[in-house]
Amino acid sequence: MTLIKSISGIRGTVGGAVGEGLTPLDIVKFTAAYGTWAVNKSGIKKIVLGRDARISGNMVNSLVIGTLQGLGIDVIDLGLSTTPTVEIAVPDEKAAGGIILTASHNPKQWNALKLLNAAGEFISDADGKEVLEIAENNAFKFADVNDLGKVDYSDNYMQKHIDKILALPLVDAAAIAKADFKIVIDCVNSTGGIFVPALLKALGVKTIHELYCVPDGNFPHNPEPLPENLVALSKEVVSKRADLGIAVDPDVDRLCFICEDGNVFGEEYTLVAVADYVLKHTKGNTVSNLSSTRALRDVTESAGGEYHAAAVGEVNVVNKMKEVNAVIGGEGNGGVIYPDLHYGRDALVGIALFLTHLAKYGKSVSQLRSTYPGYFISKNKITLTPEMDIDALLLKVEEKYSKQPHSTIDGLKIEFDKEWVHLRKSNTEPIIRIYSEGNSETVANNLANKIIADIKEILKLS
């Protein structure tokens, strides 16, 4: 069993001993800590709640609602929803914050409490530490019987979310309808199975082939939208002679596409394609995290904008986007953040912008993909002994490559012309994650192997 208490929330495998898995007592404790923090921060006694379709979702939902009521906090329960929908609902409801019950791309035995502030954005590092401190000290007080919170159940936020997307100037439903796309969708039997078909129909898509769209939480494959998990979708796109395939993760904040020939568009290129379209119509800057493809920088600079890198983590990307007034941003894991709608990864707005782009482009998905720079990212790791000083090790690597352009805002990223390598230490285990990118798999792997050899040499000398 696993329980991970982090600044962004609490996640773990359901069951087990208290403090070792995501048990009912752990759920109550951390919900109480967050509810206390949210009211103290905002003075508002209202929280928005939504969940994906995980098997444990209903159980966790009941515990969270009861705990918040016990604190005297009113709850707006959206029921089966998506992470971006809850993010939109929080400011609309003028709530103190929001909780999304989802473990994102983790398998079905996992669940989590993702925590939002009053702006509907993920809480900051400092705020997360305050929540953990409240939980550690049991520093919460429950209301008496006359002051218990009430619960309102709302089922209209899917339509509100879709309406907000349709109202965006860069979303052209008429162009999408005219293109008459045939689309296959894989929603991994979670809430995307409700939201994605509704959005596509609202955009004028008439032919939708649904794959794994029953929101019962029985994930038919690993729910992370990676190529190895989307074999059935690729086959279905080809067999149905569809124009493209769309895959989302269980809470619908990550998005990737399948080309008409069954090949993957590449989740790193979801943001690249959407940014390309946005930048064609809106001059401005872009942001992604340090481990995302250089292709976004290339597309941005060719459109006359400036690209900026942020530390890994959605909250870090959002903060950098605000700092540089970015018109589009996100992460290379298929996360699109479009601030004209809200500051959060949103697969639904990503779908609408991508389909508009494709409709106006007028050619196939694979042809669109071929217009972008071709990069390959290699992902590796080195396991070290627990007592190893990883920071000191990274400092020695930095010294070795001090003449190369490099960044230390999140581990160490070293640039070699258009190639790069990013080294990050894990927060939970004694490993260094090594991401490298080049114009081919061989180049990326060779770069990673060179850095790994350097690390081993440094370890040998120390």
Protein backbone atom coordinates (compact mmCIF):
# COMPACT_ATOMS: atom_id res chain seq x y z
CA MET A 1 0.00 0.00 0.00
CA THR A 2 1.15 3.55 -0.74
CA LEU A 3 0.26 6.96 0.70
CA ILE A 4 1.95 10.08 -0.69
CA LYS A 5 1.38 13.34 1.20
CA SER A 6 2.53 16.21 -0.98
CA ILE A 7 2.02 19.93 -1.29
CA SER A 8 -0.50 19.41 -4.10
CA GLY A 9 -2.70 16.94 -2.22
CA ILE A 10 -2.85 13.41 -0.96
CA ARG A 11 -2.84 10.32 -3.13
CA GLY A 12 -2.45 6.65 -2.54
CA THR A 13 -3.73 3.15 -3.06
CA VAL A 14 -7.10 2.55 -1.49
CA GLY A 15 -7.11 0.48 1.71
CA GLY A 16 -4.44 -0.82 4.05
CA ALA A 17 -3.30 0.49 7.41
CA VAL A 18 -3.86 4.10 8.45
CA GLY A 19 -0.99 6.26 7.22
CA GLU A 20 0.17 3.55 4.82
CA GLY A 21 -2.64 3.62 2.26
CA LEU A 22 -5.50 5.92 1.35
CA THR A 23 -7.83 4.87 4.15
CA PRO A 24 -11.08 6.53 5.31
CA LEU A 25 -9.27 8.02 8.32
CA ASP A 26 -6.58 9.53 6.08
CA ILE A 27 -9.24 10.95 3.76
CA VAL A 28 -11.08 12.58 6.66
CA LYS A 29 -7.89 13.98 8.21
CA PHE A 30 -6.59 15.64 5.05
CA THR A 31 -10.03 16.86 3.96
CA ALA A 32 -10.44 18.50 7.37
CA ALA A 33 -7.00 20.09 7.09
CA TYR A 34 -7.70 21.44 3.61
CA GLY A 35 -11.19 22.69 4.53
CA THR A 36 -9.78 24.50 7.55
CA TRP A 37 -7.01 26.06 5.43
CA ALA A 38 -9.44 27.14 2.67
CA VAL A 39 -11.82 28.89 5.09
CA ASN A 40 -8.95 30.54 6.98
CA LYS A 41 -7.46 31.75 3.69
CA SER A 42 -10.64 33.09 2.08
CA GLY A 43 -13.22 33.57 4.82
CA ILE A 44 -15.64 31.63 2.60
CA LYS A 45 -17.39 28.47 3.80
CA LYS A 46 -18.01 26.84 0.43
CA ILE A 47 -16.05 24.15 -1.47
CA VAL A 48 -16.66 22.70 -4.95
CA LEU A 49 -16.24 18.94 -5.29
CA GLY A 50 -16.00 16.69 -8.34
CA ARG A 51 -14.65 13.23 -9.14
CA ASP A 52 -13.60 10.94 -11.94
CA ALA A 53 -15.24 7.53 -12.38
CA ARG A 54 -12.87 5.42 -10.26
CA ILE A 55 -14.39 2.49 -8.43
CA SER A 56 -13.46 4.07 -5.08
CA GLY A 57 -14.82 7.47 -6.07
CA ASN A 58 -18.25 7.21 -4.48
CA MET A 59 -16.80 6.04 -1.16
CA VAL A 60 -14.20 8.81 -1.08
CA ASN A 61 -16.79 11.37 -2.18
CA SER A 62 -19.10 10.50 0.72
CA LEU A 63 -16.27 10.84 3.27
CA VAL A 64 -15.16 14.19 1.86
CA ILE A 65 -18.69 15.63 1.82
CA GLY A 66 -19.36 14.49 5.39
CA THR A 67 -16.07 15.92 6.63
CA LEU A 68 -16.62 19.30 4.98
CA GLN A 69 -20.17 19.45 6.35
CA GLY A 70 -18.76 18.60 9.76
CA LEU A 71 -16.51 21.66 9.51
CA GLY A 72 -19.55 23.84 8.76
CA ILE A 73 -18.62 24.16 5.07
CA ASP A 74 -21.23 24.09 2.30
CA VAL A 75 -20.46 21.74 -0.60
CA ILE A 76 -21.29 22.12 -4.29
CA ASP A 77 -21.04 18.52 -5.51
CA LEU A 78 -20.61 18.23 -9.29
CA GLY A 79 -20.63 14.43 -9.12
CA LEU A 80 -18.90 12.75 -12.05
CA SER A 81 -16.84 15.55 -13.54
CA THR A 82 -13.40 16.49 -14.85
CA THR A 83 -10.49 18.33 -13.29
CA PRO A 84 -10.82 21.35 -15.63
CA THR A 85 -14.58 21.53 -15.05
CA VAL A 86 -14.07 21.79 -11.29
CA GLU A 87 -11.38 24.43 -11.90
CA ILE A 88 -13.92 26.49 -13.85
CA ALA A 89 -16.69 25.97 -11.27
CA VAL A 90 -14.71 27.25 -8.25
CA PRO A 91 -14.57 30.94 -9.26
CA ASP A 92 -18.02 30.73 -10.85
CA GLU A 93 -19.41 29.60 -7.49
CA LYS A 94 -17.26 32.13 -5.58
CA ALA A 95 -16.03 29.22 -3.47
CA ALA A 96 -13.04 29.01 -1.12
CA GLY A 97 -11.55 26.27 -3.26
CA GLY A 98 -12.17 22.90 -4.82
CA ILE A 99 -11.30 19.23 -4.45
CA ILE A 100 -11.06 16.84 -7.37
CA LEU A 101 -11.14 13.17 -6.43
CA THR A 102 -8.85 11.62 -9.03
CA ALA A 103 -5.48 9.96 -9.23
CA SER A 104 -5.16 11.22 -12.80
CA HIS A 105 -3.32 8.63 -14.94
CA ASN A 106 -2.65 6.19 -12.06
CA PRO A 107 -4.26 2.69 -12.19
CA LYS A 108 -7.67 1.98 -10.67
CA GLN A 109 -6.43 1.05 -7.17
CA TRP A 110 -5.27 4.64 -6.71
CA ASN A 111 -7.26 7.70 -5.76
CA ALA A 112 -6.36 11.19 -4.62
CA LEU A 113 -7.53 14.56 -3.36
CA LYS A 114 -6.32 17.28 -5.75
CA LEU A 115 -6.60 20.66 -4.07
CA LEU A 116 -7.53 24.02 -5.62
CA ASN A 117 -7.46 27.58 -4.30
CA ALA A 118 -10.22 30.19 -4.66
CA ALA A 119 -9.08 31.00 -8.22
CA GLY A 120 -9.68 27.39 -9.25
CA GLU A 121 -5.94 26.76 -9.60
CA PHE A 122 -3.75 24.21 -7.85
CA ILE A 123 -2.56 25.42 -4.46
CA SER A 124 0.98 26.74 -4.20
CA ASP A 125 3.97 25.15 -2.51
CA ALA A 126 3.56 27.40 0.52
CA ASP A 127 -0.18 26.73 0.76
CA GLY A 128 0.37 23.00 0.45
CA LYS A 129 2.83 23.07 3.34
CA GLU A 130 0.25 24.88 5.47
CA VAL A 131 -2.33 22.18 4.72
CA LEU A 132 0.14 19.43 5.63
CA GLU A 133 1.01 21.23 8.87
CA ILE A 134 -2.66 21.53 9.83
CA ALA A 135 -3.09 17.81 9.16
CA GLU A 136 0.02 16.88 11.12
CA ASN A 137 -1.16 18.84 14.17
CA ASN A 138 -4.85 17.92 13.86
CA ALA A 139 -5.41 21.69 13.96
CA PHE A 140 -9.05 21.65 12.90
CA LYS A 141 -12.28 22.11 14.79
CA PHE A 142 -15.66 20.72 13.82
CA ALA A 143 -18.94 22.65 13.92
CA ASP A 144 -21.79 22.01 16.33
CA VAL A 145 -25.05 20.51 15.14
CA ASN A 146 -26.69 23.84 14.36
CA ASP A 147 -23.86 24.97 12.08
CA LEU A 148 -23.28 21.93 9.83
CA GLY A 149 -22.70 22.62 6.16
CA LYS A 150 -25.28 21.85 3.49
CA VAL A 151 -24.84 20.07 0.16
CA ASP A 152 -26.06 21.23 -3.24
CA TYR A 153 -25.80 18.82 -6.16
CA SER A 154 -25.09 20.47 -9.51
CA ASP A 155 -25.25 18.68 -12.85
CA ASN A 156 -25.07 21.67 -15.18
CA TYR A 157 -21.34 22.38 -15.20
CA MET A 158 -20.57 20.11 -18.13
CA GLN A 159 -22.80 22.31 -20.27
CA LYS A 160 -21.36 25.49 -18.73
CA HIS A 161 -17.84 24.26 -19.54
CA ILE A 162 -18.81 23.43 -23.13
CA ASP A 163 -20.59 26.77 -23.58
CA LYS A 164 -17.49 28.64 -22.40
CA ILE A 165 -15.38 26.71 -24.93
CA LEU A 166 -17.82 27.40 -27.78
CA ALA A 167 -17.74 31.12 -26.92
CA LEU A 168 -13.96 31.36 -27.42
CA PRO A 169 -13.10 33.42 -30.55
CA LEU A 170 -10.54 30.85 -31.73
CA VAL A 171 -12.99 27.93 -31.56
CA ASP A 172 -14.87 27.64 -34.87
CA ALA A 173 -17.65 25.07 -34.55
CA ALA A 174 -18.94 25.89 -38.05
CA ALA A 175 -15.55 25.03 -39.59
CA ILE A 176 -15.38 21.79 -37.58
CA ALA A 177 -18.90 20.80 -38.64
CA LYS A 178 -18.11 21.55 -42.28
CA ALA A 179 -14.98 19.36 -42.14
CA ASP A 180 -17.26 16.41 -41.27
CA PHE A 181 -14.61 14.62 -39.20
CA LYS A 182 -14.98 10.95 -38.35
CA ILE A 183 -13.46 10.49 -34.89
CA VAL A 184 -12.73 7.55 -32.60
CA ILE A 185 -12.41 8.32 -28.89
CA ASP A 186 -10.87 6.34 -26.02
CA CYS A 187 -12.03 7.67 -22.65
CA VAL A 188 -10.68 4.78 -20.53
CA ASN A 189 -14.14 4.19 -18.97
CA SER A 190 -14.01 7.39 -16.95
CA THR A 191 -15.71 10.77 -17.10
CA GLY A 192 -14.31 11.60 -20.52
CA GLY A 193 -16.90 9.09 -21.73
CA ILE A 194 -19.56 11.64 -20.72
CA PHE A 195 -17.81 14.92 -21.51
CA VAL A 196 -15.91 14.24 -24.74
CA PRO A 197 -18.91 12.99 -26.81
CA ALA A 198 -20.99 15.92 -25.53
CA LEU A 199 -18.29 18.39 -26.57
CA LEU A 200 -17.79 16.80 -30.00
CA LYS A 201 -21.53 16.89 -30.71
CA ALA A 202 -21.65 20.55 -29.65
CA LEU A 203 -18.80 21.22 -32.11
CA GLY A 204 -20.82 19.67 -34.92
CA VAL A 205 -19.03 16.31 -35.17
CA LYS A 206 -21.57 13.79 -36.45
CA THR A 207 -19.55 10.56 -36.62
CA ILE A 208 -18.15 9.53 -33.21
CA HIS A 209 -17.00 5.98 -32.57
CA GLU A 210 -16.83 5.43 -28.81
CA LEU A 211 -14.21 3.14 -27.29
CA TYR A 212 -14.24 2.59 -23.51
CA CYS A 213 -16.74 5.34 -22.78
CA VAL A 214 -18.75 3.67 -19.98
CA PRO A 215 -17.86 5.66 -16.83
CA ASP A 216 -17.66 2.73 -14.43
CA GLY A 217 -13.97 3.03 -13.46
CA ASN A 218 -12.97 -0.33 -14.92
CA PHE A 219 -10.00 0.90 -16.90
CA PRO A 220 -9.50 -1.44 -19.90
CA HIS A 221 -5.78 -0.63 -20.08
CA ASN A 222 -3.21 1.44 -18.22
CA PRO A 223 -4.97 4.84 -18.19
CA GLU A 224 -1.91 6.93 -19.00
CA PRO A 225 -2.37 8.08 -22.64
CA LEU A 226 0.92 6.72 -23.97
CA PRO A 227 1.37 4.91 -27.33
CA GLU A 228 1.78 1.48 -25.74
CA ASN A 229 -1.60 1.90 -24.01
CA LEU A 230 -3.49 3.07 -27.10
CA VAL A 231 -3.07 0.07 -29.41
CA ALA A 232 -6.83 -0.61 -29.52
CA LEU A 233 -7.56 3.04 -30.38
CA SER A 234 -4.99 3.01 -33.20
CA LYS A 235 -6.51 -0.16 -34.67
CA GLU A 236 -10.02 1.25 -34.41
CA VAL A 237 -9.03 4.47 -36.20
CA VAL A 238 -7.70 2.44 -39.13
CA SER A 239 -10.59 -0.06 -39.23
CA LYS A 240 -13.23 2.70 -39.08
CA ARG A 241 -11.32 4.77 -41.65
CA ALA A 242 -11.56 7.66 -39.23
CA ASP A 243 -9.85 11.01 -39.62
CA LEU A 244 -8.29 10.80 -36.17
CA GLY A 245 -8.41 9.28 -32.72
CA ILE A 246 -8.64 11.15 -29.42
CA ALA A 247 -7.54 9.80 -26.04
CA VAL A 248 -7.87 11.43 -22.62
CA ASP A 249 -6.86 10.34 -19.15
CA PRO A 250 -9.39 9.58 -16.36
CA ASP A 251 -9.80 13.20 -15.20
CA VAL A 252 -9.61 14.71 -18.71
CA ASP A 253 -6.69 17.08 -18.27
CA ARG A 254 -4.31 15.20 -20.58
CA LEU A 255 -4.89 14.77 -24.30
CA CYS A 256 -3.32 12.98 -27.22
CA PHE A 257 -4.22 12.20 -30.80
CA ILE A 258 -3.90 9.28 -33.23
CA CYS A 259 -3.31 10.01 -36.91
CA GLU A 260 -5.60 8.62 -39.62
CA ASP A 261 -2.99 5.94 -40.42
CA GLY A 262 -2.96 4.65 -36.83
CA ASN A 263 0.34 6.27 -35.89
CA VAL A 264 0.50 8.40 -32.76
CA PHE A 265 0.61 12.17 -33.19
CA GLY A 266 2.76 12.22 -30.02
CA GLU A 267 1.52 13.64 -26.71
CA GLU A 268 4.52 16.01 -26.69
CA TYR A 269 3.05 17.52 -29.86
CA THR A 270 -0.49 18.07 -28.54
CA LEU A 271 0.61 21.39 -27.02
CA VAL A 272 2.83 22.19 -30.03
CA ALA A 273 -0.06 21.89 -32.49
CA VAL A 274 -2.52 23.83 -30.34
CA ALA A 275 0.09 26.53 -29.69
CA ASP A 276 0.82 26.75 -33.42
CA TYR A 277 -2.85 27.49 -34.08
CA VAL A 278 -3.18 29.99 -31.22
CA LEU A 279 0.02 31.83 -32.24
CA LYS A 280 -1.23 32.17 -35.81
CA HIS A 281 -4.06 34.33 -34.45
CA THR A 282 -2.67 35.75 -31.19
CA LYS A 283 0.82 37.19 -30.95
CA GLY A 284 2.50 36.37 -27.67
CA ASN A 285 4.66 34.13 -25.55
CA THR A 286 4.49 30.46 -24.59
CA VAL A 287 5.55 28.34 -21.61
CA SER A 288 6.18 24.66 -21.01
CA ASN A 289 8.18 22.80 -18.40
CA LEU A 290 11.88 22.03 -18.76
CA SER A 291 11.24 18.40 -19.70
CA SER A 292 8.99 19.22 -22.66
CA THR A 293 9.99 19.16 -26.32
CA ARG A 294 11.96 21.98 -27.91
CA ALA A 295 9.43 21.99 -30.75
CA LEU A 296 7.27 24.46 -28.81
CA ARG A 297 10.18 26.90 -28.69
CA ASP A 298 10.75 26.50 -32.43
CA VAL A 299 7.07 27.12 -33.25
CA THR A 300 6.91 30.10 -30.87
CA GLU A 301 10.02 31.82 -32.20
CA SER A 302 8.97 31.31 -35.79
CA ALA A 303 5.69 33.09 -34.92
CA GLY A 304 7.62 36.01 -33.42
CA GLY A 305 6.99 35.17 -29.77
CA GLU A 306 9.24 34.25 -26.87
CA TYR A 307 9.37 30.82 -25.30
CA HIS A 308 9.93 30.44 -21.56
CA ALA A 309 10.68 27.28 -19.53
CA ALA A 310 9.24 26.56 -16.08
CA ALA A 311 10.04 24.01 -13.42
CA VAL A 312 8.11 20.74 -13.74
CA GLY A 313 4.62 20.89 -12.24
CA GLU A 314 1.42 22.54 -13.40
CA VAL A 315 1.48 25.24 -10.70
CA ASN A 316 4.99 26.24 -11.82
CA VAL A 317 3.93 26.45 -15.46
CA VAL A 318 0.91 28.58 -14.54
CA ASN A 319 3.02 30.94 -12.43
CA LYS A 320 5.49 31.41 -15.30
CA MET A 321 2.64 31.94 -17.79
CA LYS A 322 1.27 34.75 -15.65
CA GLU A 323 4.74 36.24 -15.22
CA VAL A 324 5.44 36.44 -18.97
CA ASN A 325 1.82 36.97 -20.05
CA ALA A 326 1.81 33.79 -22.16
CA VAL A 327 -1.06 33.26 -24.58
CA ILE A 328 -0.72 29.45 -24.43
CA GLY A 329 1.24 26.99 -22.32
CA GLY A 330 1.23 23.58 -20.76
CA GLU A 331 3.22 20.40 -20.43
CA GLY A 332 4.60 17.80 -22.79
CA ASN A 333 2.37 15.14 -21.26
CA GLY A 334 -0.55 16.34 -23.37
CA GLY A 335 -1.55 19.14 -21.00
CA VAL A 336 -2.88 22.29 -22.70
CA ILE A 337 -3.37 25.46 -20.62
CA TYR A 338 -5.30 28.18 -22.46
CA PRO A 339 -5.63 31.24 -20.20
CA ASP A 340 -8.47 32.77 -22.24
CA LEU A 341 -10.58 30.02 -20.63
CA HIS A 342 -8.76 29.30 -17.35
CA TYR A 343 -5.33 28.53 -15.89
CA GLY A 344 -5.46 24.74 -15.83
CA ARG A 345 -4.70 21.79 -18.10
CA ASP A 346 -7.87 21.17 -20.08
CA ALA A 347 -8.25 18.40 -22.65
CA LEU A 348 -11.68 19.68 -23.70
CA VAL A 349 -10.49 23.11 -24.82
CA GLY A 350 -7.47 21.36 -26.36
CA ILE A 351 -9.79 19.22 -28.48
CA ALA A 352 -11.80 22.24 -29.65
CA LEU A 353 -8.72 24.27 -30.61
CA PHE A 354 -7.01 21.31 -32.32
CA LEU A 355 -10.09 20.41 -34.39
CA THR A 356 -10.49 24.04 -35.44
CA HIS A 357 -6.82 24.08 -36.46
CA LEU A 358 -7.21 20.81 -38.40
CA ALA A 359 -10.39 21.99 -40.11
CA LYS A 360 -8.76 25.20 -41.30
CA TYR A 361 -5.56 23.37 -42.30
CA GLY A 362 -7.65 21.19 -44.61
CA LYS A 363 -5.33 18.18 -44.78
CA SER A 364 -4.80 15.00 -42.77
CA VAL A 365 -3.57 14.74 -39.18
CA SER A 366 -0.38 13.00 -40.30
CA GLN A 367 0.30 15.83 -42.78
CA LEU A 368 -0.21 18.38 -40.01
CA ARG A 369 2.20 16.45 -37.79
CA SER A 370 4.83 16.49 -40.55
CA THR A 371 4.87 20.30 -40.51
CA TYR A 372 6.43 20.36 -37.02
CA PRO A 373 10.08 19.80 -36.11
CA GLY A 374 10.83 16.15 -35.47
CA TYR A 375 12.34 15.54 -32.04
CA PHE A 376 12.61 12.43 -29.90
CA ILE A 377 12.74 12.36 -26.09
CA SER A 378 14.55 9.55 -24.27
CA LYS A 379 13.67 8.91 -20.62
CA ASN A 380 16.14 7.17 -18.31
CA LYS A 381 17.06 7.04 -14.64
CA ILE A 382 20.00 6.17 -12.39
CA THR A 383 19.40 4.57 -9.01
CA LEU A 384 21.79 5.70 -6.27
CA THR A 385 22.35 4.68 -2.67
CA PRO A 386 20.00 6.44 -0.18
CA GLU A 387 22.91 8.23 1.52
CA MET A 388 24.20 9.72 -1.74
CA ASP A 389 24.20 13.55 -1.90
CA ILE A 390 22.37 14.01 -5.20
CA ASP A 391 22.56 17.82 -5.06
CA ALA A 392 26.37 17.66 -4.81
CA LEU A 393 26.47 15.21 -7.70
CA LEU A 394 24.36 17.49 -9.91
CA LEU A 395 26.63 20.40 -8.99
CA LYS A 396 29.65 18.47 -10.29
CA VAL A 397 27.84 17.72 -13.56
CA GLU A 398 27.00 21.42 -13.84
CA GLU A 399 30.66 22.32 -13.33
CA LYS A 400 31.69 19.90 -16.07
CA TYR A 401 29.29 21.56 -18.54
CA SER A 402 29.54 25.12 -17.23
CA LYS A 403 30.37 26.48 -20.70
CA GLN A 404 27.12 25.13 -22.16
CA PRO A 405 23.84 27.05 -21.76
CA HIS A 406 22.16 25.52 -18.71
CA SER A 407 19.40 26.06 -16.17
CA THR A 408 19.17 25.09 -12.50
CA ILE A 409 15.60 26.18 -11.76
CA ASP A 410 14.57 22.52 -11.55
CA GLY A 411 17.48 20.13 -11.24
CA LEU A 412 19.90 20.71 -14.11
CA LYS A 413 19.11 21.20 -17.80
CA ILE A 414 22.02 21.47 -20.25
CA GLU A 415 21.56 22.59 -23.87
CA PHE A 416 23.68 21.46 -26.81
CA ASP A 417 22.47 23.55 -29.75
CA LYS A 418 19.01 22.03 -30.40
CA GLU A 419 19.61 19.01 -28.19
CA TRP A 420 19.24 19.01 -24.41
CA VAL A 421 19.41 16.83 -21.32
CA HIS A 422 17.48 17.42 -18.10
CA LEU A 423 18.47 15.82 -14.80
CA ARG A 424 16.01 15.88 -11.90
CA LYS A 425 16.19 14.15 -8.56
CA SER A 426 13.12 12.25 -7.39
CA ASN A 427 11.33 13.58 -4.31
CA THR A 428 10.44 10.08 -3.14
CA GLU A 429 13.36 7.77 -3.98
CA PRO A 430 17.16 7.97 -4.43
CA ILE A 431 17.17 8.27 -8.21
CA ILE A 432 18.08 10.83 -10.83
CA ARG A 433 15.66 11.05 -13.75
CA ILE A 434 17.38 11.80 -17.05
CA TYR A 435 15.42 13.24 -19.96
CA SER A 436 17.21 13.94 -23.23
CA GLU A 437 15.99 15.16 -26.61
CA GLY A 438 17.50 15.04 -30.07
CA ASN A 439 16.42 14.94 -33.69
CA SER A 440 16.32 11.13 -33.59
CA GLU A 441 16.01 8.32 -31.08
CA THR A 442 19.69 7.46 -31.56
CA VAL A 443 20.85 11.02 -30.88
CA ALA A 444 18.66 11.31 -27.77
CA ASN A 445 19.82 7.95 -26.40
CA ASN A 446 23.48 8.74 -27.12
CA LEU A 447 23.18 12.04 -25.24
CA ALA A 448 21.57 10.29 -22.26
CA ASN A 449 24.26 7.60 -22.26
CA LYS A 450 27.01 10.23 -22.35
CA ILE A 451 25.59 11.99 -19.27
CA ILE A 452 25.07 8.67 -17.48
CA ALA A 453 28.73 7.79 -18.17
CA ASP A 454 29.78 11.19 -16.79
CA ILE A 455 27.79 10.57 -13.61
CA LYS A 456 29.33 7.15 -13.14
CA GLU A 457 32.80 8.62 -13.61
CA ILE A 458 32.10 11.33 -11.02
CA LEU A 459 30.83 8.69 -8.58
CA LYS A 460 33.95 6.63 -9.13
CA LEU A 461 36.18 9.60 -8.33
CA SER A 462 34.26 10.74 -5.27
